[in-house]
Amino acid sequence: MRNQRGLTVIEVVVVLFMIVLLVGILLPNINRPHGRSFTVMCLEQLKQLNFANMIYCDDNGRNFIEIEEASEQSKWLKGLKPYYSQMNQNLKCPSARKTRIDGKEYGGLNNTYTLTLEEEDSSISVESSYGINSWIYNPAPDSNIVENYPAENFWRSNDFPNVAQVPIFADSMWVGGFPEPNGIAGQPPDENGQWDSVDSAMKHFSIERHSSRTNVGFMDGHADIMKIKDLWKLKWHKNFDTKGPWTKPDAPWPEWMKPLR
């Protein structure tokens, strides 16, 4: 009868090594589908917001929501509410479901923002992680918004051909913004999720929320996952220079963005 023996130290080490190796291989594959599913869910929610906006335009002579002041950038949350509420639309990206722990009302990289909407007889608190391209608004004829934001830049309606590169909604740290190809409104963030001011519009949208990319919904109804550097190549307003300084090979990107394609 053979003598039974236990595992040697070397055999135990080999077994442990194989277990660690398998865990290292399997864990990333477990996490990746989770991240991809969040991205897909976010894209679908942006498509639904696009659809809500399209229905609004159909009901209002193809025109976008009217505003009088730049401070009314949150007006889409109230104007489109009858439409996205009927669709039970979720205004929060699956990757950004929590408000900031420091109590700030604006969002962060993986945070939502909050604000209060005034109704006729009450006020309601809204939480979201999406923002609007504020150049699609339709300023009132007597609006003073055009003192700082040129009237000829606004889209005003969705009655245009070839609008597949015109952003409407996107992952954002705030309700919206007026992006420009350069200057304060076109400056990229010094770090991922940096908040500067309401005027630093491109920083609101330049957030690495989906594996080095971000999600954007477009005027033609589709939504896509975008390389962050390609945000400067989109047609944010009618006269936006899609070949501006931040699209050049020698653009002085901040350190965190240099490795991004």
C-alpha atoms as a PDB file:
ATOM      1  CA  MET A   1       0.000   0.000   0.000  1.00  0.00           C
ATOM      2  CA  ARG A   2       1.407   3.381  -1.042  1.00  0.00           C
ATOM      3  CA  ASN A   3       2.265   5.947   1.565  1.00  0.00           C
ATOM      4  CA  GLN A   4       0.102   9.104   1.220  1.00  0.00           C
ATOM      5  CA  ARG A   5       1.921  12.384   1.399  1.00  0.00           C
ATOM      6  CA  GLY A   6       0.835  16.040   1.591  1.00  0.00           C
ATOM      7  CA  LEU A   7       1.714  18.808  -0.828  1.00  0.00           C
ATOM      8  CA  THR A   8       5.214  20.135  -0.707  1.00  0.00           C
ATOM      9  CA  VAL A   9       5.907  23.802  -0.048  1.00  0.00           C
ATOM     10  CA  ILE A  10       6.816  24.308  -3.705  1.00  0.00           C
ATOM     11  CA  GLU A  11       3.549  22.744  -4.845  1.00  0.00           C
ATOM     12  CA  VAL A  12       1.554  24.958  -2.473  1.00  0.00           C
ATOM     13  CA  VAL A  13       3.345  28.054  -3.791  1.00  0.00           C
ATOM     14  CA  VAL A  14       2.637  26.997  -7.388  1.00  0.00           C
ATOM     15  CA  VAL A  15      -1.072  26.479  -6.613  1.00  0.00           C
ATOM     16  CA  LEU A  16      -1.332  29.875  -4.899  1.00  0.00           C
ATOM     17  CA  PHE A  17       0.480  31.516  -7.805  1.00  0.00           C
ATOM     18  CA  MET A  18      -1.981  29.998 -10.285  1.00  0.00           C
ATOM     19  CA  ILE A  19      -4.944  31.193  -8.215  1.00  0.00           C
ATOM     20  CA  VAL A  20      -3.575  34.765  -8.068  1.00  0.00           C
ATOM     21  CA  LEU A  21      -2.877  34.654 -11.798  1.00  0.00           C
ATOM     22  CA  LEU A  22      -6.426  33.514 -12.597  1.00  0.00           C
ATOM     23  CA  VAL A  23      -7.937  36.202 -10.374  1.00  0.00           C
ATOM     24  CA  GLY A  24      -5.824  38.829 -12.124  1.00  0.00           C
ATOM     25  CA  ILE A  25      -7.084  37.623 -15.497  1.00  0.00           C
ATOM     26  CA  LEU A  26     -10.746  37.281 -14.548  1.00  0.00           C
ATOM     27  CA  LEU A  27     -11.351  40.469 -12.527  1.00  0.00           C
ATOM     28  CA  PRO A  28     -10.828  42.942 -15.398  1.00  0.00           C
ATOM     29  CA  ASN A  29     -13.139  40.843 -17.561  1.00  0.00           C
ATOM     30  CA  ILE A  30     -15.783  40.958 -14.836  1.00  0.00           C
ATOM     31  CA  ASN A  31     -15.523  44.745 -14.495  1.00  0.00           C
ATOM     32  CA  ARG A  32     -15.435  45.622 -18.189  1.00  0.00           C
ATOM     33  CA  PRO A  33     -18.992  44.492 -19.030  1.00  0.00           C
ATOM     34  CA  HIS A  34     -20.201  46.502 -16.034  1.00  0.00           C
ATOM     35  CA  GLY A  35     -18.544  49.635 -17.400  1.00  0.00           C
ATOM     36  CA  ARG A  36     -19.782  48.957 -20.927  1.00  0.00           C
ATOM     37  CA  SER A  37     -23.337  48.446 -19.698  1.00  0.00           C
ATOM     38  CA  PHE A  38     -23.217  51.827 -17.924  1.00  0.00           C
ATOM     39  CA  THR A  39     -22.016  53.456 -21.140  1.00  0.00           C
ATOM     40  CA  VAL A  40     -24.797  51.841 -23.183  1.00  0.00           C
ATOM     41  CA  MET A  41     -27.436  52.810 -20.600  1.00  0.00           C
ATOM     42  CA  CYS A  42     -26.174  56.388 -20.633  1.00  0.00           C
ATOM     43  CA  LEU A  43     -26.301  56.535 -24.445  1.00  0.00           C
ATOM     44  CA  GLU A  44     -29.905  55.297 -24.402  1.00  0.00           C
ATOM     45  CA  GLN A  45     -30.870  57.962 -21.874  1.00  0.00           C
ATOM     46  CA  LEU A  46     -29.307  60.666 -24.048  1.00  0.00           C
ATOM     47  CA  LYS A  47     -31.283  59.355 -27.023  1.00  0.00           C
ATOM     48  CA  GLN A  48     -34.464  59.645 -24.964  1.00  0.00           C
ATOM     49  CA  LEU A  49     -33.610  63.248 -24.072  1.00  0.00           C
ATOM     50  CA  ASN A  50     -33.010  63.932 -27.765  1.00  0.00           C
ATOM     51  CA  PHE A  51     -36.420  62.423 -28.501  1.00  0.00           C
ATOM     52  CA  ALA A  52     -38.097  64.542 -25.811  1.00  0.00           C
ATOM     53  CA  ASN A  53     -36.533  67.639 -27.345  1.00  0.00           C
ATOM     54  CA  MET A  54     -37.691  66.630 -30.825  1.00  0.00           C
ATOM     55  CA  ILE A  55     -41.289  66.250 -29.626  1.00  0.00           C
ATOM     56  CA  TYR A  56     -41.084  69.657 -27.939  1.00  0.00           C
ATOM     57  CA  CYS A  57     -39.887  71.212 -31.207  1.00  0.00           C
ATOM     58  CA  ASP A  58     -42.672  69.506 -33.164  1.00  0.00           C
ATOM     59  CA  ASP A  59     -45.168  71.019 -30.727  1.00  0.00           C
ATOM     60  CA  ASN A  60     -43.618  74.487 -30.956  1.00  0.00           C
ATOM     61  CA  GLY A  61     -43.075  75.260 -34.620  1.00  0.00           C
ATOM     62  CA  ARG A  62     -39.715  73.426 -34.785  1.00  0.00           C
ATOM     63  CA  ASN A  63     -38.296  75.967 -32.293  1.00  0.00           C
ATOM     64  CA  PHE A  64     -36.181  75.190 -29.264  1.00  0.00           C
ATOM     65  CA  ILE A  65     -36.981  76.486 -25.778  1.00  0.00           C
ATOM     66  CA  GLU A  66     -37.051  80.267 -25.497  1.00  0.00           C
ATOM     67  CA  ILE A  67     -34.817  82.040 -22.967  1.00  0.00           C
ATOM     68  CA  GLU A  68     -34.144  85.670 -22.094  1.00  0.00           C
ATOM     69  CA  GLU A  69     -31.101  85.447 -19.815  1.00  0.00           C
ATOM     70  CA  ALA A  70     -27.909  83.358 -19.868  1.00  0.00           C
ATOM     71  CA  SER A  71     -28.768  82.361 -16.297  1.00  0.00           C
ATOM     72  CA  GLU A  72     -31.761  80.426 -17.669  1.00  0.00           C
ATOM     73  CA  GLN A  73     -29.620  77.569 -18.976  1.00  0.00           C
ATOM     74  CA  SER A  74     -31.500  75.188 -16.687  1.00  0.00           C
ATOM     75  CA  LYS A  75     -34.773  75.968 -18.461  1.00  0.00           C
ATOM     76  CA  TRP A  76     -34.611  72.732 -20.468  1.00  0.00           C
ATOM     77  CA  LEU A  77     -35.212  70.765 -17.268  1.00  0.00           C
ATOM     78  CA  LYS A  78     -38.543  72.541 -16.825  1.00  0.00           C
ATOM     79  CA  GLY A  79     -39.480  72.997 -20.496  1.00  0.00           C
ATOM     80  CA  LEU A  80     -38.955  69.359 -21.417  1.00  0.00           C
ATOM     81  CA  LYS A  81     -40.316  67.946 -18.161  1.00  0.00           C
ATOM     82  CA  PRO A  82     -43.779  67.094 -19.598  1.00  0.00           C
ATOM     83  CA  TYR A  83     -42.025  65.013 -22.264  1.00  0.00           C
ATOM     84  CA  TYR A  84     -39.259  63.208 -20.410  1.00  0.00           C
ATOM     85  CA  SER A  85     -41.541  62.612 -17.401  1.00  0.00           C
ATOM     86  CA  GLN A  86     -43.988  60.722 -19.622  1.00  0.00           C
ATOM     87  CA  MET A  87     -41.099  58.501 -20.727  1.00  0.00           C
ATOM     88  CA  ASN A  88     -39.971  57.988 -17.111  1.00  0.00           C
ATOM     89  CA  GLN A  89     -36.649  59.394 -18.256  1.00  0.00           C
ATOM     90  CA  ASN A  90     -33.733  59.011 -15.866  1.00  0.00           C
ATOM     91  CA  LEU A  91     -31.659  62.205 -15.804  1.00  0.00           C
ATOM     92  CA  LYS A  92     -28.690  60.540 -14.152  1.00  0.00           C
ATOM     93  CA  CYS A  93     -25.895  58.681 -15.913  1.00  0.00           C
ATOM     94  CA  PRO A  94     -25.359  55.265 -14.259  1.00  0.00           C
ATOM     95  CA  SER A  95     -21.758  56.343 -13.632  1.00  0.00           C
ATOM     96  CA  ALA A  96     -22.847  59.505 -11.804  1.00  0.00           C
ATOM     97  CA  ARG A  97     -25.638  58.673  -9.366  1.00  0.00           C
ATOM     98  CA  LYS A  98     -24.547  60.599  -6.276  1.00  0.00           C
ATOM     99  CA  THR A  99     -24.328  64.272  -5.388  1.00  0.00           C
ATOM    100  CA  ARG A 100     -21.085  65.747  -4.100  1.00  0.00           C
ATOM    101  CA  ILE A 101     -20.338  64.946  -0.464  1.00  0.00           C
ATOM    102  CA  ASP A 102     -19.103  68.510   0.093  1.00  0.00           C
ATOM    103  CA  GLY A 103     -22.589  69.897  -0.528  1.00  0.00           C
ATOM    104  CA  LYS A 104     -21.757  71.733  -3.783  1.00  0.00           C
ATOM    105  CA  GLU A 105     -24.772  71.970  -6.079  1.00  0.00           C
ATOM    106  CA  TYR A 106     -22.766  71.445  -9.272  1.00  0.00           C
ATOM    107  CA  GLY A 107     -21.541  67.998 -10.176  1.00  0.00           C
ATOM    108  CA  GLY A 108     -18.135  66.424 -10.511  1.00  0.00           C
ATOM    109  CA  LEU A 109     -16.516  63.660 -12.515  1.00  0.00           C
ATOM    110  CA  ASN A 110     -18.844  60.951 -11.193  1.00  0.00           C
ATOM    111  CA  ASN A 111     -21.398  63.127  -9.408  1.00  0.00           C
ATOM    112  CA  THR A 112     -24.764  64.656 -10.150  1.00  0.00           C
ATOM    113  CA  TYR A 113     -25.760  68.297  -9.740  1.00  0.00           C
ATOM    114  CA  THR A 114     -28.915  69.552  -8.063  1.00  0.00           C
ATOM    115  CA  LEU A 115     -31.104  72.620  -8.456  1.00  0.00           C
ATOM    116  CA  THR A 116     -34.603  73.790  -7.640  1.00  0.00           C
ATOM    117  CA  LEU A 117     -37.248  74.322 -10.322  1.00  0.00           C
ATOM    118  CA  GLU A 118     -40.031  76.751  -9.531  1.00  0.00           C
ATOM    119  CA  GLU A 119     -43.492  75.472 -10.465  1.00  0.00           C
ATOM    120  CA  GLU A 120     -46.721  77.507 -10.419  1.00  0.00           C
ATOM    121  CA  ASP A 121     -47.642  76.595  -6.857  1.00  0.00           C
ATOM    122  CA  SER A 122     -44.532  74.842  -5.617  1.00  0.00           C
ATOM    123  CA  SER A 123     -40.883  74.114  -6.206  1.00  0.00           C
ATOM    124  CA  ILE A 124     -39.228  70.793  -6.930  1.00  0.00           C
ATOM    125  CA  SER A 125     -35.669  69.603  -6.549  1.00  0.00           C
ATOM    126  CA  VAL A 126     -34.071  68.092  -9.658  1.00  0.00           C
ATOM    127  CA  GLU A 127     -30.943  65.969  -9.799  1.00  0.00           C
ATOM    128  CA  SER A 128     -29.117  65.282 -13.055  1.00  0.00           C
ATOM    129  CA  SER A 129     -25.749  64.552 -14.625  1.00  0.00           C
ATOM    130  CA  TYR A 130     -26.539  65.800 -18.145  1.00  0.00           C
ATOM    131  CA  GLY A 131     -26.152  69.280 -19.581  1.00  0.00           C
ATOM    132  CA  ILE A 132     -27.495  71.079 -22.632  1.00  0.00           C
ATOM    133  CA  ASN A 133     -25.582  72.811 -25.387  1.00  0.00           C
ATOM    134  CA  SER A 134     -26.990  76.242 -24.566  1.00  0.00           C
ATOM    135  CA  TRP A 135     -26.432  77.456 -28.139  1.00  0.00           C
ATOM    136  CA  ILE A 136     -29.530  75.514 -29.195  1.00  0.00           C
ATOM    137  CA  TYR A 137     -31.821  77.755 -27.126  1.00  0.00           C
ATOM    138  CA  ASN A 138     -34.072  80.263 -28.882  1.00  0.00           C
ATOM    139  CA  PRO A 139     -33.508  83.748 -27.345  1.00  0.00           C
ATOM    140  CA  ALA A 140     -36.576  85.950 -27.158  1.00  0.00           C
ATOM    141  CA  PRO A 141     -36.625  88.913 -29.589  1.00  0.00           C
ATOM    142  CA  ASP A 142     -36.212  91.413 -26.757  1.00  0.00           C
ATOM    143  CA  SER A 143     -33.649  89.314 -24.896  1.00  0.00           C
ATOM    144  CA  ASN A 144     -30.458  90.921 -23.629  1.00  0.00           C
ATOM    145  CA  ILE A 145     -28.616  87.608 -23.798  1.00  0.00           C
ATOM    146  CA  VAL A 146     -27.166  88.588 -27.174  1.00  0.00           C
ATOM    147  CA  GLU A 147     -25.084  91.302 -25.498  1.00  0.00           C
ATOM    148  CA  ASN A 148     -22.595  88.606 -24.517  1.00  0.00           C
ATOM    149  CA  TYR A 149     -23.642  85.721 -26.748  1.00  0.00           C
ATOM    150  CA  PRO A 150     -23.951  86.673 -30.459  1.00  0.00           C
ATOM    151  CA  ALA A 151     -27.458  86.197 -31.811  1.00  0.00           C
ATOM    152  CA  GLU A 152     -26.154  84.725 -35.070  1.00  0.00           C
ATOM    153  CA  ASN A 153     -24.565  81.795 -33.204  1.00  0.00           C
ATOM    154  CA  PHE A 154     -27.809  80.336 -31.826  1.00  0.00           C
ATOM    155  CA  TRP A 155     -29.389  77.397 -33.636  1.00  0.00           C
ATOM    156  CA  ARG A 156     -32.873  78.406 -32.389  1.00  0.00           C
ATOM    157  CA  SER A 157     -34.646  75.483 -34.134  1.00  0.00           C
ATOM    158  CA  ASN A 158     -34.015  71.954 -35.367  1.00  0.00           C
ATOM    159  CA  ASP A 159     -35.055  72.855 -38.908  1.00  0.00           C
ATOM    160  CA  PHE A 160     -31.596  72.282 -40.409  1.00  0.00           C
ATOM    161  CA  PRO A 161     -30.068  69.562 -42.611  1.00  0.00           C
ATOM    162  CA  ASN A 162     -26.803  67.793 -41.795  1.00  0.00           C
ATOM    163  CA  VAL A 163     -26.914  68.271 -38.016  1.00  0.00           C
ATOM    164  CA  ALA A 164     -25.244  64.990 -37.016  1.00  0.00           C
ATOM    165  CA  GLN A 165     -22.328  66.929 -35.475  1.00  0.00           C
ATOM    166  CA  VAL A 166     -24.433  69.423 -33.489  1.00  0.00           C
ATOM    167  CA  PRO A 167     -24.487  68.434 -29.792  1.00  0.00           C
ATOM    168  CA  ILE A 168     -27.676  68.884 -27.790  1.00  0.00           C
ATOM    169  CA  PHE A 169     -27.138  66.948 -24.548  1.00  0.00           C
ATOM    170  CA  ALA A 170     -24.015  65.422 -23.016  1.00  0.00           C
ATOM    171  CA  ASP A 171     -22.454  64.117 -19.835  1.00  0.00           C
ATOM    172  CA  SER A 172     -21.877  67.277 -17.839  1.00  0.00           C
ATOM    173  CA  MET A 173     -21.042  68.741 -14.438  1.00  0.00           C
ATOM    174  CA  TRP A 174     -23.697  71.452 -14.833  1.00  0.00           C
ATOM    175  CA  VAL A 175     -27.021  72.185 -16.553  1.00  0.00           C
ATOM    176  CA  GLY A 176     -25.319  73.438 -19.705  1.00  0.00           C
ATOM    177  CA  GLY A 177     -22.863  75.841 -21.232  1.00  0.00           C
ATOM    178  CA  PHE A 178     -21.915  77.987 -24.227  1.00  0.00           C
ATOM    179  CA  PRO A 179     -18.765  76.282 -25.622  1.00  0.00           C
ATOM    180  CA  GLU A 180     -16.359  78.195 -27.837  1.00  0.00           C
ATOM    181  CA  PRO A 181     -13.340  76.978 -29.859  1.00  0.00           C
ATOM    182  CA  ASN A 182     -10.965  78.991 -27.647  1.00  0.00           C
ATOM    183  CA  GLY A 183     -10.860  81.498 -24.788  1.00  0.00           C
ATOM    184  CA  ILE A 184     -12.404  80.876 -21.358  1.00  0.00           C
ATOM    185  CA  ALA A 185     -15.376  78.985 -22.815  1.00  0.00           C
ATOM    186  CA  GLY A 186     -13.043  76.734 -24.824  1.00  0.00           C
ATOM    187  CA  GLN A 187     -10.313  76.076 -22.266  1.00  0.00           C
ATOM    188  CA  PRO A 188      -9.827  72.378 -21.387  1.00  0.00           C
ATOM    189  CA  PRO A 189      -9.763  71.432 -17.683  1.00  0.00           C
ATOM    190  CA  ASP A 190      -6.402  71.276 -15.913  1.00  0.00           C
ATOM    191  CA  GLU A 191      -7.524  68.035 -14.290  1.00  0.00           C
ATOM    192  CA  ASN A 192     -10.270  65.511 -14.873  1.00  0.00           C
ATOM    193  CA  GLY A 193     -13.474  66.863 -13.311  1.00  0.00           C
ATOM    194  CA  GLN A 194     -12.151  70.379 -12.642  1.00  0.00           C
ATOM    195  CA  TRP A 195     -14.820  72.992 -11.931  1.00  0.00           C
ATOM    196  CA  ASP A 196     -13.904  76.583 -12.717  1.00  0.00           C
ATOM    197  CA  SER A 197     -16.955  78.775 -13.360  1.00  0.00           C
ATOM    198  CA  VAL A 198     -20.232  78.790 -15.252  1.00  0.00           C
ATOM    199  CA  ASP A 199     -18.406  80.573 -18.098  1.00  0.00           C
ATOM    200  CA  SER A 200     -15.849  77.766 -18.520  1.00  0.00           C
ATOM    201  CA  ALA A 201     -18.309  75.869 -20.680  1.00  0.00           C
ATOM    202  CA  MET A 202     -16.053  73.264 -22.269  1.00  0.00           C
ATOM    203  CA  LYS A 203     -14.858  72.175 -18.827  1.00  0.00           C
ATOM    204  CA  HIS A 204     -18.441  71.235 -17.975  1.00  0.00           C
ATOM    205  CA  PHE A 205     -18.451  68.638 -20.754  1.00  0.00           C
ATOM    206  CA  SER A 206     -14.786  67.519 -20.869  1.00  0.00           C
ATOM    207  CA  ILE A 207     -15.058  64.788 -18.277  1.00  0.00           C
ATOM    208  CA  GLU A 208     -13.647  61.267 -18.479  1.00  0.00           C
ATOM    209  CA  ARG A 209     -16.777  59.482 -17.279  1.00  0.00           C
ATOM    210  CA  HIS A 210     -16.702  56.473 -19.622  1.00  0.00           C
ATOM    211  CA  SER A 211     -13.250  54.851 -19.830  1.00  0.00           C
ATOM    212  CA  SER A 212     -11.367  57.927 -21.102  1.00  0.00           C
ATOM    213  CA  ARG A 213     -14.384  59.093 -23.124  1.00  0.00           C
ATOM    214  CA  THR A 214     -17.708  60.870 -22.675  1.00  0.00           C
ATOM    215  CA  ASN A 215     -21.221  60.531 -24.122  1.00  0.00           C
ATOM    216  CA  VAL A 216     -22.947  63.079 -26.359  1.00  0.00           C
ATOM    217  CA  GLY A 217     -26.433  63.276 -27.899  1.00  0.00           C
ATOM    218  CA  PHE A 218     -26.839  65.046 -31.244  1.00  0.00           C
ATOM    219  CA  MET A 219     -29.489  67.110 -33.001  1.00  0.00           C
ATOM    220  CA  ASP A 220     -30.290  64.367 -35.524  1.00  0.00           C
ATOM    221  CA  GLY A 221     -31.347  62.098 -32.640  1.00  0.00           C
ATOM    222  CA  HIS A 222     -28.363  59.772 -32.310  1.00  0.00           C
ATOM    223  CA  ALA A 223     -25.973  59.543 -29.349  1.00  0.00           C
ATOM    224  CA  ASP A 224     -22.342  58.508 -29.405  1.00  0.00           C
ATOM    225  CA  ILE A 225     -19.384  57.895 -27.134  1.00  0.00           C
ATOM    226  CA  MET A 226     -16.797  60.580 -27.883  1.00  0.00           C
ATOM    227  CA  LYS A 227     -13.078  61.003 -27.457  1.00  0.00           C
ATOM    228  CA  ILE A 228     -12.765  63.999 -25.156  1.00  0.00           C
ATOM    229  CA  LYS A 229     -10.361  65.836 -27.451  1.00  0.00           C
ATOM    230  CA  ASP A 230     -12.883  65.498 -30.290  1.00  0.00           C
ATOM    231  CA  LEU A 231     -15.385  67.706 -28.440  1.00  0.00           C
ATOM    232  CA  TRP A 232     -13.580  70.696 -29.979  1.00  0.00           C
ATOM    233  CA  LYS A 233     -14.383  69.327 -33.452  1.00  0.00           C
ATOM    234  CA  LEU A 234     -18.161  69.404 -32.946  1.00  0.00           C
ATOM    235  CA  LYS A 235     -20.442  72.160 -34.284  1.00  0.00           C
ATOM    236  CA  TRP A 236     -21.600  73.624 -30.947  1.00  0.00           C
ATOM    237  CA  HIS A 237     -22.965  76.795 -32.557  1.00  0.00           C
ATOM    238  CA  LYS A 238     -23.538  77.959 -36.125  1.00  0.00           C
ATOM    239  CA  ASN A 239     -20.158  79.688 -36.398  1.00  0.00           C
ATOM    240  CA  PHE A 240     -18.108  77.381 -34.181  1.00  0.00           C
ATOM    241  CA  ASP A 241     -14.646  76.848 -35.683  1.00  0.00           C
ATOM    242  CA  THR A 242     -14.295  73.070 -35.822  1.00  0.00           C
ATOM    243  CA  LYS A 243     -10.637  73.486 -36.814  1.00  0.00           C
ATOM    244  CA  GLY A 244      -9.753  75.796 -33.938  1.00  0.00           C
ATOM    245  CA  PRO A 245      -6.545  75.860 -31.864  1.00  0.00           C
ATOM    246  CA  TRP A 246      -7.476  72.829 -29.738  1.00  0.00           C
ATOM    247  CA  THR A 247      -7.765  70.629 -32.835  1.00  0.00           C
ATOM    248  CA  LYS A 248      -4.139  71.175 -33.876  1.00  0.00           C
ATOM    249  CA  PRO A 249      -1.447  68.479 -33.423  1.00  0.00           C
ATOM    250  CA  ASP A 250       0.622  70.839 -31.256  1.00  0.00           C
ATOM    251  CA  ALA A 251      -2.257  71.918 -28.975  1.00  0.00           C
ATOM    252  CA  PRO A 252      -0.925  72.438 -25.398  1.00  0.00           C
ATOM    253  CA  TRP A 253      -3.193  69.912 -23.678  1.00  0.00           C
ATOM    254  CA  PRO A 254      -3.038  69.643 -19.872  1.00  0.00           C
ATOM    255  CA  GLU A 255      -1.042  66.690 -18.560  1.00  0.00           C
ATOM    256  CA  TRP A 256      -4.010  64.406 -17.830  1.00  0.00           C
ATOM    257  CA  MET A 257      -5.295  64.804 -21.401  1.00  0.00           C
ATOM    258  CA  LYS A 258      -1.979  64.284 -23.238  1.00  0.00           C
ATOM    259  CA  PRO A 259      -2.211  60.463 -23.178  1.00  0.00           C
ATOM    260  CA  LEU A 260      -5.788  60.566 -24.498  1.00  0.00           C
ATOM    261  CA  ARG A 261      -6.109  59.914 -28.199  1.00  0.00           C
END
